[in-house]
Amino acid sequence: MAGGRSVRGQARGSHDAAAGRPGAGRGDVGGRRPAGLAALGGRRGDPSDPPPGRGGEGGVVTAAWRRALRALRRRRSVNVGYHGVDDVPPASDPENLCVSPARFRAQLGLLMDAGFELVTVAELAERAAGGPPPPGLATLSFDDGLEDNHRVLLPILRAAGVPATVYVTTSFIGRPNPWRRGGARYMTEEELLALHAAGIEIGAHSVTHRDLSAASKEICEREVAGSVTALERLTGTPVRTFAYPYCSYGEAAVAAVRRAGLIAAVTCEGRGDWSPLTMKRALITGRDGLASFVAKLWDVYQPAFESGPGRAARSMSRIARVRARNAREARHG
């Protein structure tokens, strides 16, 4: 890791500025308080979701989700994970890893209106100081380095003025995406550098996207240290956080992250806690509307939404939307 050591030898002040911390003076995302839903245009999430924002169609239902997230903000912070943000045909994204731009705007808008402070994963880890983070922080992180993170996601983040973290699998850079059809690909070096220049935190996601849960010490070292070194050489700044491929890790993987000098590593629901090197995330997919988005952030999605009561709750949500629509039609009819 010779390249990594030279990068990590920089002064602390330049380290913070280059890493894209909010207020560090670099890039054009972060560094200012989110302006709320107005910055996102108050756009509709999808046909099954009420639009975000105050008032308007479906405002009663959306207000309930907002109140739920405001209550959550007072209790703790949230770590939210994604993959892609794009409009793609279902046949080309069989695992539903892409969230539509409209739905992502609705989810981001809900977080902003609830009063969460958006930070990078690195800043969340810093402010957690080895334990649970203080209440009221939220991160947005995106795994794999898909090209829509540059084409679609970056303009949304710029419009909202919020930071994010993108986790890159280094052997995928500039290559076609074998799991997606229709010419999908991963970001090029130039696109990654554009994100970095805009203030997005660039984190490591291994070299080959191998499952590290049962991998040997030597393999974990190559996957973790190799991806960190490649990204530090590309950006010229330290890599500070890691995302485990498939959200899976074992003792050797955690040890490799520690040896690489990283301050945090993230996984997803069902795994991890608030320990710095096994930080849990709520993983959001293209199937998640506002109801399941809020449930995942509250850590109640799996027991509540896969049960009879969960189905009843979804029915109540649909009833509330119908009532809101009927009331609106009565007022204007």
Protein backbone atom coordinates (compact mmCIF):
# COMPACT_ATOMS: atom_id res chain seq x y z
CA MET A 1 0.00 0.00 0.00
CA ALA A 2 2.77 2.44 -0.81
CA GLY A 3 0.39 4.72 -2.66
CA GLY A 4 -2.01 4.66 0.27
CA ARG A 5 0.70 5.54 2.81
CA SER A 6 1.84 8.60 0.86
CA VAL A 7 -1.72 9.86 0.59
CA ARG A 8 -2.41 9.25 4.27
CA GLY A 9 0.65 11.29 5.20
CA GLN A 10 -1.07 14.56 4.29
CA ALA A 11 -1.80 17.22 6.90
CA ARG A 12 -5.08 16.83 8.75
CA GLY A 13 -6.51 20.07 7.36
CA SER A 14 -6.02 19.09 3.73
CA HIS A 15 -7.27 15.59 4.59
CA ASP A 16 -10.60 16.95 5.81
CA ALA A 17 -11.05 19.35 2.91
CA ALA A 18 -10.19 16.74 0.31
CA ALA A 19 -12.43 14.14 1.89
CA GLY A 20 -15.46 16.28 1.17
CA ARG A 21 -16.60 16.89 4.72
CA PRO A 22 -19.48 19.35 4.90
CA GLY A 23 -18.11 22.83 5.41
CA ALA A 24 -14.62 21.82 4.27
CA GLY A 25 -14.75 24.23 1.37
CA ARG A 26 -14.45 21.71 -1.47
CA GLY A 27 -17.05 20.66 -3.99
CA ASP A 28 -20.63 21.72 -4.50
CA VAL A 29 -22.65 19.29 -2.37
CA GLY A 30 -22.92 19.49 1.39
CA GLY A 31 -21.66 22.38 3.42
CA ARG A 32 -25.10 23.98 3.79
CA ARG A 33 -28.31 23.12 5.55
CA PRO A 34 -30.76 21.27 3.26
CA ALA A 35 -33.47 23.60 2.03
CA GLY A 36 -36.22 20.98 2.29
CA LEU A 37 -38.53 19.69 -0.37
CA ALA A 38 -38.58 22.96 -2.28
CA ALA A 39 -35.04 22.18 -3.42
CA LEU A 40 -36.30 18.96 -5.00
CA GLY A 41 -39.30 20.48 -6.69
CA GLY A 42 -41.78 18.55 -4.52
CA ARG A 43 -41.99 15.81 -7.12
CA ARG A 44 -44.19 12.76 -6.99
CA GLY A 45 -42.50 9.57 -5.83
CA ASP A 46 -44.42 7.08 -7.98
CA PRO A 47 -48.04 6.27 -8.83
CA SER A 48 -48.52 4.35 -5.57
CA ASP A 49 -47.00 7.00 -3.30
CA PRO A 50 -48.46 10.32 -2.29
CA PRO A 51 -46.24 13.22 -3.32
CA PRO A 52 -43.84 14.53 -0.70
CA GLY A 53 -44.14 17.96 0.83
CA ARG A 54 -46.69 19.95 2.73
CA GLY A 55 -50.24 19.99 1.47
CA GLY A 56 -51.29 18.87 -1.96
CA GLU A 57 -52.49 15.47 -3.03
CA GLY A 58 -51.95 12.78 -0.44
CA GLY A 59 -50.70 15.29 2.13
CA VAL A 60 -52.39 13.51 5.04
CA VAL A 61 -50.56 10.25 4.35
CA THR A 62 -47.23 11.94 3.66
CA ALA A 63 -47.57 13.96 6.87
CA ALA A 64 -47.86 10.69 8.79
CA TRP A 65 -44.58 9.43 7.32
CA ARG A 66 -42.98 12.79 8.09
CA ARG A 67 -44.12 12.64 11.71
CA ALA A 68 -42.76 9.11 11.98
CA LEU A 69 -39.35 10.24 10.71
CA ARG A 70 -39.33 13.30 12.94
CA ALA A 71 -39.90 11.02 15.91
CA LEU A 72 -37.07 8.79 14.67
CA ARG A 73 -34.76 11.80 14.23
CA ARG A 74 -35.16 12.63 17.90
CA ARG A 75 -34.21 9.06 18.86
CA ARG A 76 -31.25 8.20 16.63
CA SER A 77 -29.46 8.54 13.31
CA VAL A 78 -30.04 6.55 10.12
CA ASN A 79 -27.66 4.98 7.60
CA VAL A 80 -29.43 4.54 4.24
CA GLY A 81 -27.99 2.38 1.46
CA TYR A 82 -28.81 2.24 -2.26
CA HIS A 83 -27.30 0.99 -5.51
CA GLY A 84 -28.59 2.86 -8.58
CA VAL A 85 -30.95 5.76 -9.21
CA ASP A 86 -32.48 5.54 -12.67
CA ASP A 87 -35.63 4.78 -14.63
CA VAL A 88 -35.07 1.26 -15.94
CA PRO A 89 -37.46 -1.39 -17.31
CA PRO A 90 -38.10 -4.14 -14.74
CA ALA A 91 -36.76 -6.76 -17.13
CA SER A 92 -33.35 -5.05 -17.18
CA ASP A 93 -33.12 -4.85 -13.37
CA PRO A 94 -34.37 -8.22 -12.07
CA GLU A 95 -33.06 -7.61 -8.55
CA ASN A 96 -34.77 -4.20 -8.29
CA LEU A 97 -31.53 -2.50 -7.29
CA CYS A 98 -32.41 0.73 -9.10
CA VAL A 99 -34.68 3.28 -7.44
CA SER A 100 -36.47 5.65 -9.81
CA PRO A 101 -35.33 9.30 -9.65
CA ALA A 102 -38.85 10.40 -8.67
CA ARG A 103 -39.04 7.87 -5.86
CA PHE A 104 -35.54 8.77 -4.64
CA ARG A 105 -36.46 12.47 -4.60
CA ALA A 106 -39.52 11.63 -2.51
CA GLN A 107 -37.45 9.62 -0.03
CA LEU A 108 -34.73 12.26 0.21
CA GLY A 109 -37.35 14.97 0.55
CA LEU A 110 -38.99 13.12 3.41
CA LEU A 111 -35.65 12.91 5.25
CA MET A 112 -35.02 16.60 4.67
CA ASP A 113 -38.47 17.68 5.80
CA ALA A 114 -38.10 15.53 8.92
CA GLY A 115 -35.06 17.63 9.83
CA PHE A 116 -32.26 15.09 9.44
CA GLU A 117 -28.78 16.48 8.87
CA LEU A 118 -27.32 14.75 5.79
CA VAL A 119 -23.65 13.73 6.19
CA THR A 120 -21.18 11.32 4.59
CA VAL A 121 -20.52 7.93 6.14
CA ALA A 122 -17.07 9.16 7.17
CA GLU A 123 -18.54 12.10 9.06
CA LEU A 124 -21.15 9.88 10.68
CA ALA A 125 -18.34 7.64 11.95
CA GLU A 126 -16.35 10.61 13.19
CA ARG A 127 -19.27 12.04 15.10
CA ALA A 128 -20.14 8.61 16.50
CA ALA A 129 -16.64 8.43 18.03
CA GLY A 130 -16.70 4.64 18.31
CA GLY A 131 -20.27 4.24 19.56
CA PRO A 132 -23.78 5.02 18.37
CA PRO A 133 -23.90 8.36 16.54
CA PRO A 134 -25.80 11.28 18.04
CA PRO A 135 -29.46 11.53 16.99
CA GLY A 136 -30.55 13.37 13.89
CA LEU A 137 -27.90 12.44 11.30
CA ALA A 138 -28.59 10.64 8.02
CA THR A 139 -26.29 9.20 5.38
CA LEU A 140 -26.97 8.22 1.78
CA SER A 141 -24.58 5.65 0.33
CA PHE A 142 -24.56 3.94 -3.06
CA ASP A 143 -22.81 0.63 -3.76
CA ASP A 144 -20.89 -0.61 -6.81
CA GLY A 145 -20.18 2.64 -8.72
CA LEU A 146 -22.97 2.49 -11.33
CA GLU A 147 -22.80 5.15 -14.04
CA ASP A 148 -26.22 6.53 -13.10
CA ASN A 149 -24.60 7.74 -9.88
CA HIS A 150 -22.93 10.37 -12.07
CA ARG A 151 -25.60 10.93 -14.72
CA VAL A 152 -28.73 10.92 -12.52
CA LEU A 153 -27.80 11.00 -8.84
CA LEU A 154 -25.23 13.81 -8.84
CA PRO A 155 -27.62 16.44 -10.27
CA ILE A 156 -30.23 15.51 -7.62
CA LEU A 157 -27.69 15.86 -4.81
CA ARG A 158 -26.51 19.18 -6.20
CA ALA A 159 -30.06 20.51 -6.38
CA ALA A 160 -30.70 19.48 -2.77
CA GLY A 161 -27.29 20.57 -1.50
CA VAL A 162 -26.62 17.33 0.35
CA PRO A 163 -23.57 15.03 0.47
CA ALA A 164 -23.40 11.29 -0.09
CA THR A 165 -20.96 8.39 -0.21
CA VAL A 166 -20.38 6.22 -3.28
CA TYR A 167 -18.71 2.81 -2.83
CA VAL A 168 -16.66 1.66 -5.81
CA THR A 169 -15.66 -1.86 -6.85
CA THR A 170 -12.37 -1.00 -8.52
CA SER A 171 -12.17 -3.79 -11.11
CA PHE A 172 -15.60 -2.68 -12.41
CA ILE A 173 -14.54 0.88 -13.26
CA GLY A 174 -15.56 1.73 -16.84
CA ARG A 175 -16.82 -1.80 -17.58
CA PRO A 176 -20.26 -3.07 -18.66
CA ASN A 177 -22.60 -4.16 -15.88
CA PRO A 178 -23.10 -7.95 -16.25
CA TRP A 179 -26.15 -7.94 -13.95
CA ARG A 180 -28.07 -5.36 -15.94
CA ARG A 181 -29.27 -5.37 -19.53
CA GLY A 182 -29.58 -2.52 -22.00
CA GLY A 183 -26.01 -1.28 -22.08
CA ALA A 184 -25.70 -0.47 -18.36
CA ARG A 185 -22.17 0.11 -17.15
CA TYR A 186 -20.09 1.33 -14.24
CA MET A 187 -18.58 4.78 -13.91
CA THR A 188 -15.37 5.65 -15.69
CA GLU A 189 -12.41 7.19 -13.89
CA GLU A 190 -13.41 10.59 -15.27
CA GLU A 191 -16.95 10.25 -13.89
CA LEU A 192 -15.63 9.15 -10.50
CA LEU A 193 -13.32 12.15 -10.40
CA ALA A 194 -16.29 14.41 -11.20
CA LEU A 195 -18.13 13.02 -8.17
CA HIS A 196 -15.04 13.45 -6.03
CA ALA A 197 -14.61 17.05 -7.20
CA ALA A 198 -18.26 17.74 -6.33
CA GLY A 199 -17.70 16.69 -2.71
CA ILE A 200 -19.03 13.14 -2.82
CA GLU A 201 -17.13 10.78 -0.53
CA ILE A 202 -15.56 7.95 -2.56
CA GLY A 203 -15.36 4.76 -0.51
CA ALA A 204 -14.01 1.29 -1.29
CA HIS A 205 -16.19 -1.73 -2.13
CA SER A 206 -13.46 -4.34 -2.80
CA VAL A 207 -11.60 -5.15 -6.02
CA THR A 208 -13.83 -7.90 -7.47
CA HIS A 209 -17.03 -7.75 -5.37
CA ARG A 210 -16.23 -11.10 -3.78
CA ASP A 211 -18.20 -12.33 -0.76
CA LEU A 212 -15.77 -11.83 2.12
CA SER A 213 -17.76 -13.62 4.82
CA ALA A 214 -15.69 -16.82 4.58
CA ALA A 215 -12.69 -15.55 2.62
CA SER A 216 -9.14 -16.11 3.84
CA LYS A 217 -7.00 -13.44 5.45
CA GLU A 218 -4.95 -13.12 2.27
CA ILE A 219 -8.00 -12.71 0.02
CA CYS A 220 -9.58 -10.14 2.33
CA GLU A 221 -6.32 -8.21 2.40
CA ARG A 222 -6.14 -8.11 -1.40
CA GLU A 223 -9.79 -7.12 -1.79
CA VAL A 224 -9.80 -4.40 0.86
CA ALA A 225 -6.30 -2.96 0.60
CA GLY A 226 -6.25 -3.30 -3.18
CA SER A 227 -9.42 -1.29 -3.66
CA VAL A 228 -8.33 1.35 -1.15
CA THR A 229 -4.95 1.79 -2.84
CA ALA A 230 -6.49 2.02 -6.34
CA LEU A 231 -8.98 4.69 -5.29
CA GLU A 232 -6.39 6.71 -3.38
CA ARG A 233 -4.15 6.72 -6.43
CA LEU A 234 -7.07 7.83 -8.59
CA THR A 235 -8.35 10.64 -6.36
CA GLY A 236 -5.15 11.63 -4.58
CA THR A 237 -6.95 11.65 -1.23
CA PRO A 238 -7.43 9.10 1.56
CA VAL A 239 -10.21 6.53 1.38
CA ARG A 240 -11.86 6.47 4.79
CA THR A 241 -14.73 3.95 4.64
CA PHE A 242 -15.61 0.57 3.11
CA ALA A 243 -18.81 -1.27 2.13
CA TYR A 244 -18.78 -5.07 2.40
CA PRO A 245 -19.85 -6.76 -0.87
CA TYR A 246 -23.26 -8.42 -0.45
CA CYS A 247 -23.28 -6.85 3.05
CA SER A 248 -21.36 -9.95 4.19
CA TYR A 249 -18.24 -10.07 6.32
CA GLY A 250 -16.24 -12.33 8.60
CA GLU A 251 -13.48 -11.79 11.13
CA ALA A 252 -10.82 -11.71 8.41
CA ALA A 253 -12.69 -9.03 6.45
CA VAL A 254 -13.14 -6.82 9.51
CA ALA A 255 -9.46 -7.26 10.36
CA ALA A 256 -8.47 -6.29 6.81
CA VAL A 257 -10.55 -3.12 7.05
CA ARG A 258 -8.86 -2.30 10.35
CA ARG A 259 -5.37 -2.89 8.91
CA ALA A 260 -6.19 -0.63 5.97
CA GLY A 261 -6.61 2.24 8.42
CA LEU A 262 -10.28 2.88 7.59
CA ILE A 263 -12.55 4.51 10.15
CA ALA A 264 -15.79 2.73 9.21
CA ALA A 265 -17.30 -0.10 7.18
CA VAL A 266 -20.98 -0.59 6.38
CA THR A 267 -23.26 -3.58 5.90
CA CYS A 268 -27.10 -3.68 5.76
CA GLU A 269 -30.19 -4.77 7.68
CA GLY A 270 -30.02 -8.05 9.49
CA ARG A 271 -26.29 -7.60 10.03
CA GLY A 272 -24.10 -5.24 11.97
CA ASP A 273 -24.78 -2.63 14.63
CA TRP A 274 -23.25 0.78 15.33
CA SER A 275 -19.72 -0.59 15.79
CA PRO A 276 -17.47 1.45 13.46
CA LEU A 277 -16.39 -1.49 11.27
CA THR A 278 -19.82 -3.17 11.07
CA MET A 279 -22.21 -0.24 10.74
CA LYS A 280 -25.74 -1.27 9.81
CA ARG A 281 -27.67 0.34 6.94
CA ALA A 282 -31.25 0.26 5.74
CA LEU A 283 -30.95 -1.03 2.16
CA ILE A 284 -33.51 0.59 -0.15
CA THR A 285 -34.56 -1.06 -3.43
CA GLY A 286 -36.81 -0.22 -6.33
CA ARG A 287 -39.69 -2.00 -4.59
CA ASP A 288 -39.76 0.41 -1.65
CA GLY A 289 -42.41 3.11 -1.55
CA LEU A 290 -42.60 5.66 1.24
CA ALA A 291 -44.27 3.21 3.65
CA SER A 292 -41.58 0.55 3.43
CA PHE A 293 -38.87 3.25 3.28
CA VAL A 294 -40.00 4.59 6.66
CA ALA A 295 -40.44 1.07 8.06
CA LYS A 296 -36.90 0.11 7.06
CA LEU A 297 -35.47 3.20 8.72
CA TRP A 298 -37.37 2.30 11.88
CA ASP A 299 -35.97 -1.29 11.68
CA VAL A 300 -39.48 -2.73 11.62
CA TYR A 301 -39.82 -3.63 7.94
CA GLN A 302 -39.16 -7.37 8.03
CA PRO A 303 -41.38 -8.33 10.98
CA ALA A 304 -44.14 -5.86 10.17
CA PHE A 305 -44.39 -5.87 6.38
CA GLU A 306 -44.12 -9.62 5.84
CA SER A 307 -46.93 -10.44 8.29
CA GLY A 308 -50.70 -10.23 8.31
CA PRO A 309 -50.64 -7.00 10.34
CA GLY A 310 -48.18 -5.59 7.86
CA ARG A 311 -50.54 -6.28 5.00
CA ALA A 312 -53.29 -4.63 7.02
CA ALA A 313 -51.09 -1.58 7.53
CA ARG A 314 -50.51 -1.34 3.80
CA SER A 315 -54.26 -1.58 3.25
CA MET A 316 -54.80 1.26 5.72
CA SER A 317 -52.26 3.30 3.78
CA ARG A 318 -54.16 2.70 0.56
CA ILE A 319 -57.44 3.60 2.28
CA ALA A 320 -55.97 6.87 3.52
CA ARG A 321 -54.84 7.74 -0.01
CA VAL A 322 -58.30 6.99 -1.42
CA ARG A 323 -59.95 9.13 1.25
CA ALA A 324 -57.59 12.00 0.52
CA ARG A 325 -58.33 11.73 -3.21
CA ASN A 326 -62.09 11.59 -2.61
CA ALA A 327 -61.95 14.62 -0.33
CA ARG A 328 -60.01 16.54 -2.95
CA GLU A 329 -62.47 15.60 -5.68
CA ALA A 330 -65.39 16.64 -3.47
CA ARG A 331 -63.83 20.03 -2.88
CA HIS A 332 -63.30 20.60 -6.59
CA GLY A 333 -66.34 18.75 -7.88
